[in-house]
Amino acid sequence: MDSPKSVFIYLFILFSYGLIFSQSDKTFFIRGNLNVNNNGIDWVPLFSRDKPSLITNFSFGGERLSISPLIRYELDGFQPWGFDIWWDYKIKKSGKFNFSIGGVFPGIVNQKITVQDEDLPTTILQPWSSAIIKPSISYFFNKNFGLNLSYFEIIPLKLVNANQIESGRVIILSPQIKSFTIKNSVYIRWEPLLYALQIEDTETGFFSAQTINFGIVNFPFSISTVMNKPIDFGDLTGKKFDWNIGLNYSFELKLVKAK
């Protein structure tokens, strides 16, 4: 990124941090999850790593506005895979019907590029930067079940390679299912979803995915698996079935605003 754009991003982030802690909320949260897995999976098959990875997901904010940095690394050589800052603002957050607006700014995915330069390695990491706009609607039928519909519009911030994605859109339908507990000691969390992905003007691909998490109540470690199965690739390519298994460490803190 060029210097003026970088300065703008840093100022935007600082302004947003200030906005969070200037909210009228009396309590704030800080939560995080570190996931070590055998296979880095991404919604966009082009961005999947097919290698062991570390995914760190942090979030902090209040009742309405939150910021969630997502940082991903390949474990081989601890190479940075991607860095996203997710924003979310809950416009309506109570009752059966909820609505929020959010997105990513900035989002960076490092792609491995082959170069022919005697002064450089044969393969380098090239950052592809983008922003995402994400409106989201959810409806809760009862305290145990709801449905969420989200739309993602991907916008590149700077084109640095002819192969870089110039536009993209994703629609995700995801049930909101309450965790199952066994004798109040073991929980199972199931997060299935269906999504449609279109890159530029190509034919849309349709996929199903799910995350299953097993853990002990009030214990920070858990085991999770992510599975991704194409229904129809469209013009996309990738594995006919992709999955991983990972170990998670999670934490959550609540802060009380001083009077």
Protein backbone atom coordinates (compact mmCIF):
# COMPACT_ATOMS: atom_id res chain seq x y z
CA MET A 1 0.00 0.00 0.00
CA ASP A 2 1.17 3.50 -0.68
CA SER A 3 1.91 5.84 2.21
CA PRO A 4 -1.25 8.07 2.12
CA LYS A 5 -3.51 5.02 2.06
CA SER A 6 -1.60 3.43 4.96
CA VAL A 7 -1.91 6.62 7.03
CA PHE A 8 -5.64 6.74 6.29
CA ILE A 9 -6.08 3.11 7.40
CA TYR A 10 -4.18 3.67 10.67
CA LEU A 11 -6.24 6.80 11.44
CA PHE A 12 -9.45 4.92 10.59
CA ILE A 13 -8.51 2.10 12.98
CA LEU A 14 -7.61 4.51 15.81
CA PHE A 15 -10.86 6.41 15.27
CA SER A 16 -12.84 3.17 15.45
CA TYR A 17 -11.08 2.05 18.63
CA GLY A 18 -12.04 5.39 20.17
CA LEU A 19 -15.61 4.96 18.94
CA ILE A 20 -15.88 1.59 20.66
CA PHE A 21 -14.80 2.86 24.05
CA SER A 22 -16.88 6.03 23.73
CA GLN A 23 -20.09 3.98 23.46
CA SER A 24 -22.67 4.29 26.21
CA ASP A 25 -22.21 0.59 27.04
CA LYS A 26 -21.10 -0.05 30.60
CA THR A 27 -19.34 -3.30 29.79
CA PHE A 28 -16.98 -4.36 27.01
CA PHE A 29 -15.56 -7.70 26.02
CA ILE A 30 -12.23 -9.03 24.83
CA ARG A 31 -12.24 -12.57 23.48
CA GLY A 32 -9.90 -14.66 21.40
CA ASN A 33 -9.37 -18.07 19.87
CA LEU A 34 -6.11 -19.67 18.71
CA ASN A 35 -6.52 -22.63 16.36
CA VAL A 36 -3.67 -24.93 15.28
CA ASN A 37 -4.78 -27.25 12.47
CA ASN A 38 -3.44 -29.67 9.87
CA ASN A 39 -4.92 -27.88 6.83
CA GLY A 40 -5.61 -24.18 6.25
CA ILE A 41 -9.05 -23.82 4.56
CA ASP A 42 -10.53 -20.67 3.02
CA TRP A 43 -13.96 -19.95 1.49
CA VAL A 44 -12.19 -19.00 -1.74
CA PRO A 45 -10.41 -22.20 -2.91
CA LEU A 46 -7.62 -20.11 -4.45
CA PHE A 47 -6.70 -18.86 -0.96
CA SER A 48 -6.67 -22.25 0.80
CA ARG A 49 -3.22 -23.40 1.92
CA ASP A 50 -3.47 -27.23 2.14
CA LYS A 51 -0.82 -27.03 4.86
CA PRO A 52 -0.80 -26.92 8.68
CA SER A 53 -1.68 -23.44 9.90
CA LEU A 54 -2.20 -21.23 12.93
CA ILE A 55 -5.35 -19.10 12.91
CA THR A 56 -5.74 -16.44 15.60
CA ASN A 57 -9.08 -14.66 15.93
CA PHE A 58 -9.52 -11.83 18.43
CA SER A 59 -12.53 -9.61 19.07
CA PHE A 60 -13.25 -6.66 21.32
CA GLY A 61 -16.04 -4.12 21.61
CA GLY A 62 -19.36 -3.36 23.22
CA GLU A 63 -22.99 -4.27 22.71
CA ARG A 64 -23.18 -2.79 19.21
CA LEU A 65 -19.75 -2.16 17.68
CA SER A 66 -16.94 -4.72 17.65
CA ILE A 67 -13.57 -5.15 15.92
CA SER A 68 -12.14 -8.60 15.18
CA PRO A 69 -8.59 -8.99 13.83
CA LEU A 70 -8.04 -12.33 12.11
CA ILE A 71 -4.41 -13.40 11.58
CA ARG A 72 -3.38 -16.61 9.79
CA TYR A 73 0.05 -18.24 9.47
CA GLU A 74 1.43 -21.29 7.70
CA LEU A 75 3.28 -23.33 10.31
CA ASP A 76 5.96 -24.31 7.77
CA GLY A 77 8.46 -21.49 8.22
CA PHE A 78 5.77 -19.52 10.12
CA GLN A 79 4.93 -17.61 6.93
CA PRO A 80 2.09 -15.07 7.13
CA TRP A 81 -0.96 -16.31 5.21
CA GLY A 82 -3.44 -13.48 5.74
CA PHE A 83 -4.50 -10.58 7.94
CA ASP A 84 -8.06 -9.21 8.13
CA ILE A 85 -9.70 -6.65 10.39
CA TRP A 86 -13.41 -7.41 10.64
CA TRP A 87 -15.86 -4.71 11.75
CA ASP A 88 -19.43 -5.25 12.86
CA TYR A 89 -22.14 -2.83 13.98
CA LYS A 90 -25.44 -4.21 15.27
CA ILE A 91 -28.18 -1.89 14.05
CA LYS A 92 -30.96 -4.00 15.59
CA LYS A 93 -29.85 -6.47 18.24
CA SER A 94 -32.94 -7.62 20.14
CA GLY A 95 -36.11 -9.52 19.37
CA LYS A 96 -36.56 -12.20 16.73
CA PHE A 97 -35.28 -10.08 13.84
CA ASN A 98 -31.74 -8.63 13.92
CA PHE A 99 -29.72 -6.65 11.40
CA SER A 100 -26.05 -5.67 11.30
CA ILE A 101 -23.63 -4.05 8.89
CA GLY A 102 -19.94 -4.86 8.80
CA GLY A 103 -17.06 -5.94 6.67
CA VAL A 104 -13.30 -6.13 6.36
CA PHE A 105 -10.93 -3.18 6.16
CA PRO A 106 -8.23 -3.89 5.37
CA GLY A 107 -7.96 -7.53 4.30
CA ILE A 108 -4.66 -8.97 3.11
CA VAL A 109 -3.95 -12.41 1.64
CA ASN A 110 -0.35 -13.31 0.81
CA GLN A 111 -0.12 -15.26 -2.44
CA LYS A 112 2.95 -17.24 -3.49
CA ILE A 113 4.25 -15.80 -6.76
CA THR A 114 6.98 -17.30 -8.96
CA VAL A 115 9.50 -14.68 -10.11
CA GLN A 116 12.43 -14.66 -12.49
CA ASP A 117 14.93 -12.34 -10.90
CA GLU A 118 18.48 -13.27 -9.92
CA ASP A 119 18.29 -10.95 -6.91
CA LEU A 120 15.11 -12.59 -5.53
CA PRO A 121 14.08 -16.11 -4.48
CA THR A 122 12.18 -18.13 -7.09
CA THR A 123 9.01 -17.79 -5.00
CA ILE A 124 7.94 -14.71 -3.02
CA LEU A 125 4.89 -13.75 -0.97
CA GLN A 126 2.87 -11.00 -2.63
CA PRO A 127 0.18 -9.25 -0.54
CA TRP A 128 -3.23 -8.85 -2.19
CA SER A 129 -5.24 -6.23 -0.31
CA SER A 130 -9.01 -5.83 -0.40
CA ALA A 131 -12.03 -4.58 1.51
CA ILE A 132 -15.34 -6.37 2.11
CA ILE A 133 -18.81 -4.95 2.71
CA LYS A 134 -21.09 -7.29 4.68
CA PRO A 135 -24.76 -6.66 5.55
CA SER A 136 -26.30 -9.46 7.62
CA ILE A 137 -29.88 -10.36 8.58
CA SER A 138 -30.91 -12.96 11.16
CA TYR A 139 -34.22 -14.31 12.42
CA PHE A 140 -34.60 -16.37 15.61
CA PHE A 141 -37.54 -18.78 15.72
CA ASN A 142 -36.84 -19.55 19.38
CA LYS A 143 -33.92 -19.47 21.85
CA ASN A 144 -32.42 -22.61 20.31
CA PHE A 145 -32.65 -21.98 16.56
CA GLY A 146 -32.36 -19.15 14.04
CA LEU A 147 -31.24 -18.40 10.49
CA ASN A 148 -28.65 -15.88 9.32
CA LEU A 149 -28.25 -14.53 5.77
CA SER A 150 -25.09 -12.57 4.92
CA TYR A 151 -23.85 -10.93 1.72
CA PHE A 152 -20.15 -10.19 1.11
CA GLU A 153 -18.95 -7.83 -1.63
CA ILE A 154 -15.18 -8.07 -2.18
CA ILE A 155 -13.42 -4.92 -3.45
CA PRO A 156 -9.66 -4.82 -4.16
CA LEU A 157 -7.81 -1.89 -2.59
CA LYS A 158 -4.88 -2.13 -4.99
CA LEU A 159 -4.23 -4.38 -7.98
CA VAL A 160 -0.63 -5.62 -8.00
CA ASN A 161 -0.90 -8.72 -10.20
CA ALA A 162 -2.80 -9.68 -13.34
CA ASN A 163 -4.08 -12.80 -11.54
CA GLN A 164 -5.47 -10.85 -8.59
CA ILE A 165 -9.23 -11.03 -8.07
CA GLU A 166 -10.81 -7.77 -9.26
CA SER A 167 -14.23 -8.42 -7.70
CA GLY A 168 -16.13 -11.12 -5.89
CA ARG A 169 -19.28 -11.79 -3.94
CA VAL A 170 -20.40 -14.41 -1.44
CA ILE A 171 -23.88 -15.19 -0.08
CA ILE A 172 -23.99 -17.33 3.08
CA LEU A 173 -27.03 -18.97 4.68
CA SER A 174 -26.20 -20.31 8.14
CA PRO A 175 -28.47 -21.84 10.79
CA GLN A 176 -27.90 -20.53 14.32
CA ILE A 177 -28.02 -23.63 16.52
CA LYS A 178 -27.58 -23.63 20.28
CA SER A 179 -24.74 -25.79 21.57
CA PHE A 180 -25.60 -29.28 22.79
CA THR A 181 -24.45 -30.11 26.31
CA ILE A 182 -24.07 -33.52 27.93
CA LYS A 183 -24.67 -33.53 31.70
CA ASN A 184 -23.60 -29.85 31.81
CA SER A 185 -19.96 -30.86 31.37
CA VAL A 186 -19.31 -31.56 27.66
CA TYR A 187 -20.56 -29.42 24.79
CA ILE A 188 -20.87 -29.95 21.05
CA ARG A 189 -21.24 -26.90 18.81
CA TRP A 190 -22.39 -27.48 15.21
CA GLU A 191 -22.20 -24.62 12.68
CA PRO A 192 -23.40 -25.72 9.21
CA LEU A 193 -23.73 -23.32 6.29
CA LEU A 194 -24.49 -23.10 2.57
CA TYR A 195 -22.75 -20.50 0.43
CA ALA A 196 -22.58 -19.26 -3.13
CA LEU A 197 -19.31 -17.76 -4.43
CA GLN A 198 -18.76 -15.77 -7.62
CA ILE A 199 -15.37 -14.44 -8.70
CA GLU A 200 -15.59 -11.54 -11.17
CA ASP A 201 -18.03 -12.52 -13.97
CA THR A 202 -17.48 -16.30 -13.80
CA GLU A 203 -20.18 -18.89 -13.18
CA THR A 204 -21.20 -19.04 -9.53
CA GLY A 205 -20.07 -21.99 -7.40
CA PHE A 206 -22.24 -23.48 -4.65
CA PHE A 207 -20.76 -25.09 -1.52
CA SER A 208 -21.72 -26.62 1.81
CA ALA A 209 -19.51 -26.36 4.89
CA GLN A 210 -19.65 -27.08 8.57
CA THR A 211 -17.62 -26.55 11.72
CA ILE A 212 -17.97 -28.96 14.64
CA ASN A 213 -16.44 -28.09 18.00
CA PHE A 214 -16.07 -30.45 20.98
CA GLY A 215 -15.11 -29.17 24.39
CA ILE A 216 -15.52 -29.25 28.16
CA VAL A 217 -17.61 -26.52 29.76
CA ASN A 218 -15.45 -23.78 31.36
CA PHE A 219 -12.26 -25.33 29.97
CA PRO A 220 -10.21 -23.21 27.51
CA PHE A 221 -9.09 -26.03 25.19
CA SER A 222 -11.31 -27.72 22.60
CA ILE A 223 -11.10 -29.76 19.40
CA SER A 224 -12.70 -28.64 16.15
CA THR A 225 -13.03 -29.80 12.57
CA VAL A 226 -13.94 -27.83 9.44
CA MET A 227 -15.39 -29.56 6.36
CA ASN A 228 -16.02 -28.02 2.95
CA LYS A 229 -17.87 -29.80 0.13
CA PRO A 230 -18.71 -28.30 -3.29
CA ILE A 231 -22.25 -28.82 -4.55
CA ASP A 232 -21.42 -27.31 -7.93
CA PHE A 233 -18.00 -25.76 -8.62
CA GLY A 234 -19.29 -23.47 -11.39
CA ASP A 235 -16.14 -22.00 -12.96
CA LEU A 236 -14.14 -22.50 -9.75
CA THR A 237 -11.70 -25.32 -9.07
CA GLY A 238 -10.59 -27.07 -5.92
CA LYS A 239 -10.88 -30.24 -3.88
CA LYS A 240 -14.05 -32.34 -4.07
CA PHE A 241 -13.89 -32.56 -0.29
CA ASP A 242 -11.70 -30.56 2.06
CA TRP A 243 -11.39 -30.86 5.83
CA ASN A 244 -9.15 -30.22 8.78
CA ILE A 245 -8.88 -30.94 12.47
CA GLY A 246 -7.51 -28.50 15.00
CA LEU A 247 -6.80 -27.74 18.64
CA ASN A 248 -8.27 -24.50 20.03
CA TYR A 249 -7.44 -22.27 22.98
CA SER A 250 -10.18 -19.74 23.79
CA PHE A 251 -10.52 -16.96 26.35
CA GLU A 252 -12.94 -14.15 27.17
CA LEU A 253 -12.65 -11.12 29.44
CA LYS A 254 -15.32 -8.58 30.37
CA LEU A 255 -14.38 -5.00 31.20
CA VAL A 256 -16.47 -2.53 33.17
CA LYS A 257 -16.36 1.09 32.06
CA ALA A 258 -15.20 3.46 34.82
CA LYS A 259 -17.78 5.98 35.99
